[in-house]
């Protein structure tokens, strides 16, 4: 099993709800287990267009090869209406593989750790929240990297969800989370 971290972001539509729904969608996948979820953060766009982003990070465990995890991320993005009209376009949902175990991958369509991870407070702050001692392969301690980007605007707006990471099926008005079917 490999521990991986995914960065989730959105700045179109009801971005906050989309991130919550995407976490539920991930939790429904039988090929992975969500171990932790960060708070929700509001951040200014960095090298991107559009309004503020909402971001979070999930820590998961999986036996999936990294390429299968990437394909799953793209499938979920597509399910939530992700379009790629141009580089760094506003988006309904962005799922990035930030870390995949201790692996370092450098291929034309997949770089892990994420190539701009060390430059992005919106990824580093949630990572540090989940694991304050996390070390990013070939880059160093996440906390040290976060200190270096302290000028980027980031605001924690919601604590981590306290609901179970394995979704239970509940119906009626007392259901704790709004589930969105993910195929």
Protein backbone atom coordinates (compact mmCIF):
# COMPACT_ATOMS: atom_id res chain seq x y z
CA UNK A 1 0.00 0.00 0.00
CA UNK A 2 1.16 3.51 -0.79
CA UNK A 3 0.28 6.70 1.06
CA UNK A 4 -0.50 9.52 -1.35
CA UNK A 5 -1.65 13.12 -0.99
CA UNK A 6 -4.06 14.74 -3.42
CA UNK A 7 -4.61 18.47 -3.74
CA UNK A 8 -8.16 19.53 -4.58
CA UNK A 9 -9.06 22.97 -5.88
CA UNK A 10 -11.94 24.78 -7.58
CA UNK A 11 -12.99 28.32 -8.44
CA UNK A 12 -16.09 27.89 -10.61
CA UNK A 13 -19.64 27.22 -9.52
CA UNK A 14 -20.24 26.25 -5.89
CA UNK A 15 -16.57 25.46 -5.35
CA UNK A 16 -16.91 24.74 -1.62
CA UNK A 17 -19.63 22.17 -2.21
CA UNK A 18 -17.77 20.69 -5.15
CA UNK A 19 -14.74 20.00 -2.95
CA UNK A 20 -16.93 18.37 -0.31
CA UNK A 21 -18.63 16.24 -2.98
CA UNK A 22 -15.28 15.31 -4.54
CA UNK A 23 -14.00 14.05 -1.17
CA UNK A 24 -17.14 11.91 -0.84
CA UNK A 25 -16.58 10.67 -4.38
CA UNK A 26 -13.01 9.70 -3.52
CA UNK A 27 -14.18 7.96 -0.34
CA UNK A 28 -16.57 5.85 -2.43
CA UNK A 29 -13.72 4.38 -4.45
CA UNK A 30 -13.03 0.83 -3.28
CA UNK A 31 -9.42 1.08 -4.48
CA UNK A 32 -8.37 3.64 -1.88
CA UNK A 33 -8.93 4.66 1.71
CA UNK A 34 -8.99 8.27 2.84
CA UNK A 35 -6.84 8.62 5.95
CA UNK A 36 -7.19 12.38 6.57
CA UNK A 37 -8.66 15.54 5.09
CA UNK A 38 -7.45 19.07 5.69
CA UNK A 39 -9.52 22.12 6.43
CA UNK A 40 -10.92 24.09 3.54
CA UNK A 41 -8.87 27.12 2.49
CA UNK A 42 -9.64 30.18 0.36
CA UNK A 43 -6.69 31.37 -1.68
CA UNK A 44 -5.84 33.92 -4.31
CA UNK A 45 -5.17 32.48 -7.76
CA UNK A 46 -1.48 31.79 -8.40
CA UNK A 47 -0.59 31.86 -12.10
CA UNK A 48 -4.27 31.27 -12.86
CA UNK A 49 -7.30 33.25 -13.94
CA UNK A 50 -10.63 33.79 -12.26
CA UNK A 51 -11.78 34.39 -8.72
CA UNK A 52 -10.48 32.98 -5.48
CA UNK A 53 -9.94 29.25 -5.20
CA UNK A 54 -11.10 26.88 -2.52
CA UNK A 55 -8.53 24.20 -1.72
CA UNK A 56 -7.98 21.21 0.51
CA UNK A 57 -5.74 18.14 0.66
CA UNK A 58 -6.62 14.52 1.30
CA UNK A 59 -4.24 11.86 2.52
CA UNK A 60 -5.07 8.42 1.21
CA UNK A 61 -3.77 4.89 1.08
CA UNK A 62 -3.97 2.81 -2.08
CA UNK A 63 -2.50 -0.18 -3.87
CA UNK A 64 -3.21 1.52 -7.20
CA UNK A 65 -0.21 2.24 -9.42
CA UNK A 66 0.34 5.99 -9.78
CA UNK A 67 -0.86 5.97 -13.41
CA UNK A 68 -4.17 4.42 -12.33
CA UNK A 69 -4.52 7.04 -9.60
CA UNK A 70 -3.91 9.76 -12.19
CA UNK A 71 -6.56 8.25 -14.48
CA UNK A 72 -9.02 8.13 -11.55
CA UNK A 73 -8.32 11.81 -10.77
CA UNK A 74 -9.00 12.76 -14.40
CA UNK A 75 -12.20 10.69 -14.43
CA UNK A 76 -13.48 12.43 -11.28
CA UNK A 77 -12.53 15.87 -12.67
CA UNK A 78 -14.48 15.07 -15.83
CA UNK A 79 -17.46 13.90 -13.75
CA UNK A 80 -17.52 17.32 -12.08
CA UNK A 81 -17.42 19.15 -15.42
CA UNK A 82 -13.71 19.99 -15.66
CA UNK A 83 -12.77 21.56 -18.96
CA UNK A 84 -9.30 22.55 -20.10
CA UNK A 85 -9.78 25.34 -22.67
CA UNK A 86 -6.34 26.82 -21.90
CA UNK A 87 -3.53 26.46 -19.37
CA UNK A 88 -4.54 27.53 -15.83
CA UNK A 89 -8.14 28.22 -16.86
CA UNK A 90 -10.74 28.60 -14.09
CA UNK A 91 -11.98 25.16 -13.11
CA UNK A 92 -14.89 23.33 -11.55
CA UNK A 93 -12.47 20.82 -10.01
CA UNK A 94 -8.74 20.19 -10.08
CA UNK A 95 -7.24 17.03 -8.55
CA UNK A 96 -3.46 16.90 -8.37
CA UNK A 97 -1.25 14.11 -7.12
CA UNK A 98 1.00 16.04 -4.76
CA UNK A 99 2.89 13.07 -3.32
CA UNK A 100 2.87 9.35 -4.01
CA UNK A 101 4.80 7.66 -1.23
CA UNK A 102 8.47 8.54 -1.47
CA UNK A 103 8.40 8.18 -5.25
CA UNK A 104 9.94 10.77 -7.53
CA UNK A 105 8.49 10.60 -11.04
CA UNK A 106 9.54 12.84 -13.91
CA UNK A 107 7.66 12.01 -17.09
CA UNK A 108 6.18 14.37 -19.70
CA UNK A 109 2.62 14.00 -18.37
CA UNK A 110 3.28 13.19 -14.70
CA UNK A 111 5.68 14.78 -12.23
CA UNK A 112 5.60 13.72 -8.57
CA UNK A 113 6.12 15.42 -6.18
CA UNK A 114 3.96 17.98 -7.96
CA UNK A 115 6.37 20.32 -9.78
CA UNK A 116 5.10 23.54 -8.17
CA UNK A 117 4.25 22.11 -4.75
CA UNK A 118 7.11 23.93 -3.02
CA UNK A 119 5.85 27.27 -4.39
CA UNK A 120 2.17 27.01 -3.43
CA UNK A 121 0.82 27.93 0.00
CA UNK A 122 -2.57 26.51 -1.05
CA UNK A 123 -1.01 23.03 -1.18
CA UNK A 124 1.60 23.35 1.57
CA UNK A 125 -0.68 24.73 4.32
CA UNK A 126 -3.15 21.83 4.09
CA UNK A 127 -0.27 19.33 3.91
CA UNK A 128 1.30 20.78 7.06
CA UNK A 129 -2.10 20.75 8.77
CA UNK A 130 -2.42 17.01 8.10
CA UNK A 131 1.21 16.18 8.96
CA UNK A 132 3.36 18.88 10.55
CA UNK A 133 6.52 16.75 10.16
CA UNK A 134 6.00 15.85 6.49
CA UNK A 135 9.11 15.86 4.32
CA UNK A 136 8.69 16.27 0.57
CA UNK A 137 11.16 14.11 -1.39
CA UNK A 138 14.01 16.14 -2.92
CA UNK A 139 12.58 19.39 -1.53
CA UNK A 140 12.65 19.27 2.27
CA UNK A 141 10.28 19.81 5.18
CA UNK A 142 6.85 21.04 4.15
CA UNK A 143 6.78 23.52 7.06
CA UNK A 144 10.04 25.13 5.92
CA UNK A 145 8.70 25.41 2.37
CA UNK A 146 5.47 26.92 3.68
CA UNK A 147 7.40 29.56 5.62
CA UNK A 148 9.08 30.57 2.34
CA UNK A 149 5.72 31.38 0.68
CA UNK A 150 4.21 33.22 3.65
CA UNK A 151 3.37 36.25 1.49
CA UNK A 152 0.75 34.32 -0.52
CA UNK A 153 -2.80 35.07 0.59
CA UNK A 154 -4.42 32.05 2.18
CA UNK A 155 -7.28 31.85 4.66
CA UNK A 156 -8.47 28.77 6.51
CA UNK A 157 -12.24 28.94 6.31
CA UNK A 158 -13.51 25.61 7.57
CA UNK A 159 -12.13 22.95 9.86
CA UNK A 160 -11.82 19.39 8.57
CA UNK A 161 -15.04 17.48 8.18
CA UNK A 162 -15.78 15.34 11.22
CA UNK A 163 -17.96 12.89 9.31
CA UNK A 164 -16.72 9.33 8.70
CA UNK A 165 -14.37 8.87 5.75
CA UNK A 166 -16.20 5.74 4.70
CA UNK A 167 -19.57 7.02 3.49
CA UNK A 168 -22.59 5.44 5.09
CA UNK A 169 -25.82 5.31 3.20
CA UNK A 170 -28.39 7.50 4.88
CA UNK A 171 -31.59 8.86 3.51
CA UNK A 172 -33.95 11.58 4.56
CA UNK A 173 -33.38 15.07 5.91
CA UNK A 174 -30.92 13.93 8.59
CA UNK A 175 -28.26 12.77 6.12
CA UNK A 176 -25.00 14.46 7.27
CA UNK A 177 -23.46 14.98 3.84
CA UNK A 178 -24.79 15.61 0.38
CA UNK A 179 -23.60 12.72 -1.74
CA UNK A 180 -23.07 13.00 -5.45
CA UNK A 181 -23.00 9.79 -7.41
CA UNK A 182 -19.58 9.10 -8.83
CA UNK A 183 -19.26 6.54 -11.58
